[in-house]
């Protein structure tokens, strides 16, 4: 992997067009993500859009209508494209704008592209229709599809004042980014239980479903008699909150604007989690979302550095 390029760099017209395509994809298909990365400087925002556009391509293959065998082929073709990007074999005039943008971003920033291999592995688990008996099983899946995205993003964000972390701190930062990705993914799973059930997928651990009498699934806006759906949701919310608390320790390790981006995206999902906790059955009726003014408030909190300072104070008290 090429080292990070310091300072502003010239972006050719073909590469700029490729980034513009990725930003359009991000804005159209990932409103919460797009809202957060607006807080980044231009080069980091472009790189994050390239990462999202490639990740979206992988997800769309998994969620599409192709037969499983065709999905396997498409995913391995995408993995081969990633190999070409890693080997710096993508020219600026390549016809694939996502590949052009991601190849350029990987030259600009030390992005651990192996995380996208993990994403492909996770989507292959979806295509195979895997289910998860325990939280440890589900956590493995979440690390592939979301924890890896956290680690990829960390390659773009950099660290406090743009300086390099020591080896041990770098490892901790990657762990926190991974854990924050798990928190976001578990929140997504709770929000989308009805939609996922309609697509034949159940992600919540089978042992949790059995414990709360919800093993029949979520194909209706009403659970069967005896099911404690609220108890199940509150159990998973507590797990997600613990992941958020651990993952938020990443914030003081980031520069101000990167920290604001992470705080905004994570803050939106934490507020979604609050809504789900207050009214668990709402997720059986439709997708829970936040109004624009609430997202704006979360962004202001992130830009102010309030969340990062709060985490730093808590860490100091723990050490003291």
Foldseek 3Di string as FASTA:
>chain_A
DAAADPDDDDDDPLLVVLLVVLLVVCVVPPVLLNLLLVLPPDLLSSLLSLVVSLLVVLVCLLLDDDQLVVSVVVLVVSVVLLVCLVVLVDDSPDPNSSSNNNSVSVNNWVFPSVLVVLLSVLSNCSSVQDEAADVVRLLSSLLNNFLSSLSRSCRSQAWAVNDHDDPVVNVLLSVLSSLLRSLLVLLVLLLQQQVQVVVVHHYPHCVLCVVQVNNVGQPALDGDPRGPQLVSLVVSLVVSVVSNLSSLQNLNTGYLSSSLSSQLSSVQSNVSSVVCNVPVSVSSVHGDGDDPVVSVVSSVCSNVCVSVVVSVVVVVVVVD
